[in-house]
Amino acid sequence: MVDVAREAGVALRTVSRVVNGDSTVGPGLAARVHAAIAALDYRPDERARQLRSGVTGTLGAAVRQLSHVNPVLRAVERAARDAGLMVLAASTEDDEELERRVVESMCRRRFDGIILEPIGTDHGYLIPELAAGLSLVAVDRPVLGLDVDCVLSDNVAGIQAAYSHLAERGHRRIAYIGDDERIYTAQERATAFRACAAASGRAVDSMAHTGPIERGRIRAAIAAVLDGDSPASAIITGNATISVEVLRELGAAAGKVAVIGFDDSELATLLRPDLTVIAQDDRTIGGTAVDMLRARIAEPDRPVRRVTVPVELVARGSGEIPPAW
């Protein structure tokens, strides 16, 4: 802050007031301070501010369950507890701006390390944090544009296994309904499906439907692949949430169309027939992420690692339905 004050040509107290959002600072002075902060790449230490004010700006919520809806987070929590660490988690709601606010808040609070499930496409704001020693591990998808440790599932192998499983059972019209391809995993899985269809000499574009997880969009996708003279006899879904929506929209046709879902869930064995899935190894992903983060904290200059965790096709019935047409 002394450096910022010198750069801006203002008193140290003025810098403090600007950093703490004091609206009584004149716009001219505030602009000079903000320009100096940007020029010097200054990052306020949230812990110091908390010591001065006695207010942390955070709330605790100890509830019965949170991580049950995110199996990787559950695995991270367990691995962290075994290592004597506490995990404080926040949802980014698949919103790039919210993700940035959450991560920057964690950086200001000087967490020992951050495990990030990235959604944004521009993480340039993390470059100075990494240079200052931030320990970061990405799970499920890499941090695009930055060379950081990450743990991924083998998305391509999973789609290939699902496609082959259906083709071996006589399915020739196989459809794919996936998530928005701005998401790394959604793009990888959709691209793998198109490659499988093209290699088999079958229709690609008319059978691949991706986009936001919205009921209307998924209803339209199902209508597109099931209506007409050559309807799909099998569907591969891009994740567990889409699996639920697809099965809901299929209704009575669910027992006639083969379905394989990417991601396992507790609901998968409550169906008739039970849902065949490409299961990710959430325990290994979460445990590996914690191990990598601890190693990065202990040795900041260690080589960056990228770990790909195998997936498994679990046959339960829905993916074994023979072609009905």
Protein backbone atom coordinates (compact mmCIF):
# COMPACT_ATOMS: atom_id res chain seq x y z
CA MET A 1 0.00 0.00 0.00
CA VAL A 2 2.96 2.30 0.60
CA ASP A 3 4.07 1.61 -2.98
CA VAL A 4 0.58 2.36 -4.30
CA ALA A 5 0.45 5.62 -2.36
CA ARG A 6 3.83 6.65 -3.75
CA GLU A 7 2.81 5.72 -7.32
CA ALA A 8 -0.49 7.62 -7.05
CA GLY A 9 0.98 10.58 -5.22
CA VAL A 10 -1.53 10.34 -2.37
CA ALA A 11 -1.47 9.67 1.34
CA LEU A 12 -1.38 6.09 2.59
CA ARG A 13 -4.72 6.69 4.31
CA THR A 14 -6.27 7.61 0.94
CA VAL A 15 -5.18 4.26 -0.51
CA SER A 16 -6.68 2.48 2.48
CA ARG A 17 -9.99 4.31 2.06
CA VAL A 18 -10.15 3.50 -1.67
CA VAL A 19 -9.31 -0.19 -1.12
CA ASN A 20 -12.03 -0.41 1.53
CA GLY A 21 -14.65 1.22 -0.71
CA ASP A 22 -14.96 4.56 1.09
CA SER A 23 -17.35 6.57 -1.11
CA THR A 24 -16.20 9.89 0.35
CA VAL A 25 -12.92 9.75 -1.61
CA GLY A 26 -13.10 12.15 -4.55
CA PRO A 27 -13.36 10.51 -7.99
CA GLY A 28 -10.09 12.04 -9.15
CA LEU A 29 -8.10 10.65 -6.22
CA ALA A 30 -9.87 7.30 -6.47
CA ALA A 31 -9.00 7.06 -10.18
CA ARG A 32 -5.33 7.74 -9.45
CA VAL A 33 -5.27 5.08 -6.75
CA HIS A 34 -6.98 2.51 -9.00
CA ALA A 35 -4.51 3.31 -11.80
CA ALA A 36 -1.59 2.77 -9.41
CA ILE A 37 -3.13 -0.49 -8.16
CA ALA A 38 -3.40 -1.73 -11.75
CA ALA A 39 0.12 -0.57 -12.66
CA LEU A 40 1.68 -2.29 -9.64
CA ASP A 41 -0.64 -5.33 -9.82
CA TYR A 42 -1.48 -4.81 -6.15
CA ARG A 43 -3.71 -7.38 -4.43
CA PRO A 44 -5.19 -6.45 -1.04
CA ASP A 45 -4.61 -9.01 1.71
CA GLU A 46 -8.09 -9.88 2.95
CA ARG A 47 -6.68 -11.39 6.15
CA ALA A 48 -5.09 -8.07 7.11
CA ARG A 49 -8.36 -6.24 6.46
CA GLN A 50 -10.18 -8.78 8.62
CA LEU A 51 -7.73 -8.25 11.48
CA ARG A 52 -8.28 -4.49 11.35
CA SER A 53 -12.06 -4.58 11.04
CA GLY A 54 -12.87 -7.72 13.00
CA VAL A 55 -15.24 -8.76 10.18
CA THR A 56 -14.41 -11.62 7.81
CA GLY A 57 -17.15 -11.13 5.21
CA THR A 58 -17.92 -14.86 5.31
CA LEU A 59 -20.65 -16.97 6.87
CA GLY A 60 -20.59 -20.55 8.02
CA ALA A 61 -23.35 -22.97 7.08
CA ALA A 62 -23.10 -26.46 8.59
CA VAL A 63 -25.87 -28.43 6.90
CA ARG A 64 -26.70 -32.13 6.70
CA GLN A 65 -25.54 -32.57 3.12
CA LEU A 66 -24.11 -30.45 0.34
CA SER A 67 -21.61 -32.55 -1.57
CA HIS A 68 -24.07 -35.38 -2.33
CA VAL A 69 -25.05 -33.49 -5.50
CA ASN A 70 -21.38 -33.24 -6.53
CA PRO A 71 -19.59 -36.59 -6.08
CA VAL A 72 -16.17 -35.10 -6.80
CA LEU A 73 -16.65 -32.52 -4.02
CA ARG A 74 -17.64 -35.35 -1.68
CA ALA A 75 -14.40 -37.16 -2.55
CA VAL A 76 -12.39 -33.96 -2.10
CA GLU A 77 -13.91 -33.42 1.34
CA ARG A 78 -13.09 -36.95 2.44
CA ALA A 79 -9.51 -36.81 1.20
CA ALA A 80 -9.00 -33.38 2.79
CA ARG A 81 -10.37 -34.56 6.15
CA ASP A 82 -7.99 -37.53 6.08
CA ALA A 83 -5.15 -35.03 5.58
CA GLY A 84 -6.35 -32.78 8.43
CA LEU A 85 -7.62 -30.07 6.08
CA MET A 86 -10.91 -28.18 5.98
CA VAL A 87 -12.70 -27.50 2.69
CA LEU A 88 -14.85 -24.37 2.29
CA ALA A 89 -16.82 -24.71 -0.95
CA ALA A 90 -18.83 -22.26 -3.04
CA SER A 91 -20.96 -22.87 -6.11
CA THR A 92 -20.28 -20.94 -9.32
CA GLU A 93 -23.62 -21.91 -10.93
CA ASP A 94 -21.91 -22.34 -14.34
CA ASP A 95 -21.63 -18.53 -14.45
CA GLU A 96 -18.29 -17.10 -15.60
CA GLU A 97 -18.62 -13.80 -13.72
CA LEU A 98 -19.70 -15.53 -10.51
CA GLU A 99 -16.81 -17.97 -10.84
CA ARG A 100 -14.38 -15.07 -11.05
CA ARG A 101 -15.87 -13.36 -7.98
CA VAL A 102 -15.72 -16.60 -5.98
CA VAL A 103 -12.14 -17.41 -6.95
CA GLU A 104 -10.88 -13.86 -6.43
CA SER A 105 -12.50 -13.83 -3.00
CA MET A 106 -10.69 -17.07 -2.13
CA CYS A 107 -7.42 -15.56 -3.37
CA ARG A 108 -7.87 -12.47 -1.21
CA ARG A 109 -8.48 -14.67 1.80
CA ARG A 110 -5.21 -16.46 1.09
CA PHE A 111 -6.56 -20.00 1.10
CA ASP A 112 -3.74 -22.57 1.22
CA GLY A 113 -4.89 -23.78 -2.18
CA ILE A 114 -7.91 -23.87 -4.48
CA ILE A 115 -9.51 -26.78 -6.32
CA LEU A 116 -11.44 -25.37 -9.27
CA GLU A 117 -14.02 -26.88 -11.59
CA PRO A 118 -13.55 -24.23 -14.32
CA ILE A 119 -16.44 -22.82 -16.32
CA GLY A 120 -14.95 -19.58 -17.63
CA THR A 121 -12.96 -19.32 -20.85
CA ASP A 122 -10.71 -16.47 -19.70
CA HIS A 123 -8.72 -17.04 -16.52
CA GLY A 124 -6.11 -14.38 -17.18
CA TYR A 125 -6.97 -12.77 -13.86
CA LEU A 126 -5.27 -15.75 -12.18
CA ILE A 127 -1.87 -15.13 -13.79
CA PRO A 128 -0.65 -12.68 -11.10
CA GLU A 129 -2.09 -14.91 -8.38
CA LEU A 130 -0.18 -17.92 -9.71
CA ALA A 131 2.97 -15.80 -9.98
CA ALA A 132 2.48 -14.77 -6.35
CA GLY A 133 2.34 -18.42 -5.26
CA LEU A 134 -1.30 -19.52 -5.57
CA SER A 135 -1.60 -23.32 -5.54
CA LEU A 136 -4.37 -24.35 -7.94
CA VAL A 137 -5.66 -27.68 -9.24
CA ALA A 138 -8.43 -28.00 -11.83
CA VAL A 139 -10.86 -30.92 -11.81
CA ASP A 140 -13.12 -32.26 -14.56
CA ARG A 141 -11.71 -29.79 -17.10
CA PRO A 142 -8.48 -27.82 -17.53
CA VAL A 143 -8.06 -24.10 -16.93
CA LEU A 144 -7.88 -22.94 -20.54
CA GLY A 145 -4.86 -20.78 -21.35
CA LEU A 146 -3.02 -21.56 -18.11
CA ASP A 147 -0.54 -24.34 -17.39
CA VAL A 148 -1.81 -25.67 -14.06
CA ASP A 149 -2.27 -29.11 -12.53
CA CYS A 150 -5.51 -30.83 -13.50
CA VAL A 151 -7.39 -34.11 -13.05
CA LEU A 152 -9.73 -35.20 -15.84
CA SER A 153 -11.94 -38.13 -16.72
CA ASP A 154 -11.30 -39.95 -19.99
CA ASN A 155 -14.28 -38.41 -21.78
CA VAL A 156 -13.31 -39.66 -25.24
CA ALA A 157 -12.88 -43.27 -24.13
CA GLY A 158 -16.22 -43.10 -22.30
CA ILE A 159 -18.16 -42.00 -25.39
CA GLN A 160 -16.33 -44.55 -27.54
CA ALA A 161 -17.27 -47.31 -25.10
CA ALA A 162 -20.93 -46.24 -25.08
CA TYR A 163 -21.12 -46.02 -28.88
CA SER A 164 -19.42 -49.39 -29.39
CA HIS A 165 -21.65 -51.00 -26.76
CA LEU A 166 -24.77 -49.90 -28.63
CA ALA A 167 -23.41 -50.69 -32.10
CA GLU A 168 -22.48 -54.21 -31.03
CA ARG A 169 -26.12 -54.76 -30.05
CA GLY A 170 -27.38 -53.86 -33.49
CA HIS A 171 -28.11 -50.15 -33.14
CA ARG A 172 -27.47 -48.20 -36.35
CA ARG A 173 -29.22 -44.93 -35.53
CA ILE A 174 -27.54 -43.69 -32.35
CA ALA A 175 -28.21 -40.15 -31.09
CA TYR A 176 -26.37 -37.92 -28.65
CA ILE A 177 -27.96 -35.29 -26.41
CA GLY A 178 -25.39 -33.24 -24.51
CA ASP A 179 -24.64 -30.07 -22.61
CA ASP A 180 -23.59 -26.64 -23.91
CA GLU A 181 -20.31 -27.05 -25.82
CA ARG A 182 -18.82 -23.91 -24.30
CA ILE A 183 -18.10 -26.32 -21.42
CA TYR A 184 -14.90 -28.29 -21.99
CA THR A 185 -16.31 -31.69 -21.03
CA ALA A 186 -19.43 -31.16 -23.15
CA GLN A 187 -17.31 -30.28 -26.16
CA GLU A 188 -15.01 -33.27 -25.66
CA ARG A 189 -17.90 -35.70 -25.40
CA ALA A 190 -19.84 -34.27 -28.33
CA THR A 191 -16.72 -34.24 -30.50
CA ALA A 192 -16.00 -37.87 -29.58
CA PHE A 193 -19.56 -38.86 -30.49
CA ARG A 194 -19.33 -37.16 -33.89
CA ALA A 195 -16.05 -38.95 -34.54
CA CYS A 196 -17.62 -42.32 -33.66
CA ALA A 197 -20.61 -41.68 -35.94
CA ALA A 198 -18.42 -40.50 -38.80
CA ALA A 199 -16.11 -43.52 -38.47
CA SER A 200 -19.18 -45.76 -38.71
CA GLY A 201 -20.38 -43.99 -41.84
CA ARG A 202 -23.57 -42.81 -40.17
CA ALA A 203 -25.39 -39.50 -39.85
CA VAL A 204 -23.61 -37.04 -37.59
CA ASP A 205 -25.22 -33.60 -37.40
CA SER A 206 -28.83 -34.81 -37.35
CA MET A 207 -28.05 -37.15 -34.45
CA ALA A 208 -25.97 -34.80 -32.25
CA HIS A 209 -27.85 -32.19 -30.21
CA THR A 210 -26.10 -30.01 -27.64
CA GLY A 211 -27.04 -26.87 -25.72
CA PRO A 212 -28.18 -25.58 -22.32
CA ILE A 213 -29.83 -28.00 -19.93
CA GLU A 214 -33.37 -26.73 -20.46
CA ARG A 215 -36.42 -28.94 -20.63
CA GLY A 216 -37.74 -27.33 -23.80
CA ARG A 217 -34.43 -27.72 -25.59
CA ILE A 218 -34.13 -31.39 -24.61
CA ARG A 219 -37.74 -32.05 -25.59
CA ALA A 220 -37.02 -30.60 -29.01
CA ALA A 221 -33.86 -32.69 -29.33
CA ILE A 222 -35.72 -35.90 -28.54
CA ALA A 223 -38.43 -35.03 -31.05
CA ALA A 224 -35.77 -34.39 -33.68
CA VAL A 225 -34.07 -37.77 -33.25
CA LEU A 226 -37.21 -39.90 -32.76
CA ASP A 227 -39.57 -38.39 -35.31
CA GLY A 228 -39.31 -39.02 -39.04
CA ASP A 229 -38.70 -42.03 -41.23
CA SER A 230 -35.41 -43.10 -39.60
CA PRO A 231 -35.72 -42.55 -35.85
CA ALA A 232 -32.90 -43.22 -33.43
CA SER A 233 -33.10 -46.52 -31.58
CA ALA A 234 -30.53 -45.48 -28.95
CA ILE A 235 -29.47 -42.30 -27.15
CA ILE A 236 -26.25 -41.40 -25.34
CA THR A 237 -26.61 -38.55 -22.85
CA GLY A 238 -23.87 -36.07 -21.92
CA ASN A 239 -24.24 -36.06 -18.14
CA ALA A 240 -26.45 -37.22 -15.25
CA THR A 241 -28.74 -34.18 -15.30
CA ILE A 242 -29.43 -34.61 -19.00
CA SER A 243 -30.08 -38.32 -18.42
CA VAL A 244 -32.90 -37.44 -16.02
CA GLU A 245 -34.43 -34.94 -18.44
CA VAL A 246 -34.17 -37.34 -21.39
CA LEU A 247 -35.84 -40.17 -19.49
CA ARG A 248 -38.57 -37.81 -18.30
CA GLU A 249 -39.29 -36.68 -21.85
CA LEU A 250 -39.14 -40.21 -23.27
CA GLY A 251 -41.93 -41.32 -20.95
CA ALA A 252 -43.47 -44.58 -22.20
CA ALA A 253 -40.86 -44.81 -24.96
CA ALA A 254 -38.10 -45.21 -22.36
CA GLY A 255 -38.41 -49.00 -22.50
CA LYS A 256 -38.15 -49.06 -26.30
CA VAL A 257 -35.15 -46.77 -26.82
CA ALA A 258 -31.76 -47.82 -25.47
CA VAL A 259 -30.13 -45.18 -23.26
CA ILE A 260 -26.59 -44.87 -21.91
CA GLY A 261 -25.82 -41.93 -19.64
CA PHE A 262 -22.46 -40.29 -18.99
CA ASP A 263 -22.12 -40.04 -15.18
CA ASP A 264 -23.55 -42.37 -12.60
CA SER A 265 -26.12 -41.28 -10.01
CA GLU A 266 -28.18 -42.67 -7.16
CA LEU A 267 -31.26 -42.55 -9.40
CA ALA A 268 -29.70 -44.87 -11.96
CA THR A 269 -30.77 -48.02 -10.10
CA LEU A 270 -34.33 -46.81 -9.39
CA LEU A 271 -35.42 -47.11 -13.01
CA ARG A 272 -36.90 -50.02 -14.93
CA PRO A 273 -34.70 -51.06 -16.56
CA ASP A 274 -31.86 -49.58 -14.55
CA LEU A 275 -29.71 -47.03 -16.35
CA THR A 276 -26.54 -48.18 -18.09
CA VAL A 277 -23.86 -45.53 -17.47
CA ILE A 278 -20.34 -44.42 -18.16
CA ALA A 279 -19.20 -44.08 -14.55
CA GLN A 280 -16.47 -41.65 -13.58
CA ASP A 281 -14.12 -42.60 -10.74
CA ASP A 282 -15.07 -39.68 -8.49
CA ARG A 283 -13.14 -40.99 -5.50
CA THR A 284 -9.91 -41.18 -7.48
CA ILE A 285 -10.50 -37.77 -9.07
CA GLY A 286 -11.13 -36.07 -5.71
CA GLY A 287 -8.31 -37.85 -3.90
CA THR A 288 -5.84 -37.15 -6.69
CA ALA A 289 -6.82 -33.46 -6.73
CA VAL A 290 -6.12 -33.11 -2.99
CA ASP A 291 -2.81 -34.98 -3.31
CA MET A 292 -1.73 -32.77 -6.20
CA LEU A 293 -2.69 -29.61 -4.33
CA ARG A 294 -0.76 -30.64 -1.22
CA ALA A 295 2.26 -31.46 -3.38
CA ARG A 296 2.01 -28.08 -5.14
CA ILE A 297 1.80 -26.26 -1.79
CA ALA A 298 4.87 -28.12 -0.51
CA GLU A 299 6.84 -27.69 -3.74
CA PRO A 300 5.58 -24.69 -5.76
CA ASP A 301 8.10 -25.17 -8.60
CA ARG A 302 7.34 -28.82 -9.26
CA PRO A 303 6.45 -29.77 -12.89
CA VAL A 304 2.80 -29.33 -13.83
CA ARG A 305 0.87 -32.60 -14.00
CA ARG A 306 -2.19 -33.59 -16.01
CA VAL A 307 -3.83 -36.82 -14.84
CA THR A 308 -6.53 -38.59 -16.87
CA VAL A 309 -8.63 -41.02 -14.85
CA PRO A 310 -10.21 -44.02 -16.64
CA VAL A 311 -14.00 -44.41 -16.80
CA GLU A 312 -16.07 -47.59 -16.70
CA LEU A 313 -19.16 -48.72 -18.60
CA VAL A 314 -21.64 -50.19 -16.11
CA ALA A 315 -24.30 -52.25 -17.91
CA ARG A 316 -27.61 -52.30 -16.04
CA GLY A 317 -30.28 -52.84 -18.68
CA SER A 318 -31.20 -49.62 -20.44
CA GLY A 319 -28.14 -49.77 -22.71
CA GLU A 320 -28.86 -53.38 -23.61
CA ILE A 321 -32.36 -52.83 -25.05
CA PRO A 322 -32.27 -54.18 -28.63
CA PRO A 323 -33.32 -51.99 -31.58
CA ALA A 324 -37.11 -51.80 -31.78
CA TRP A 325 -37.04 -50.54 -35.38
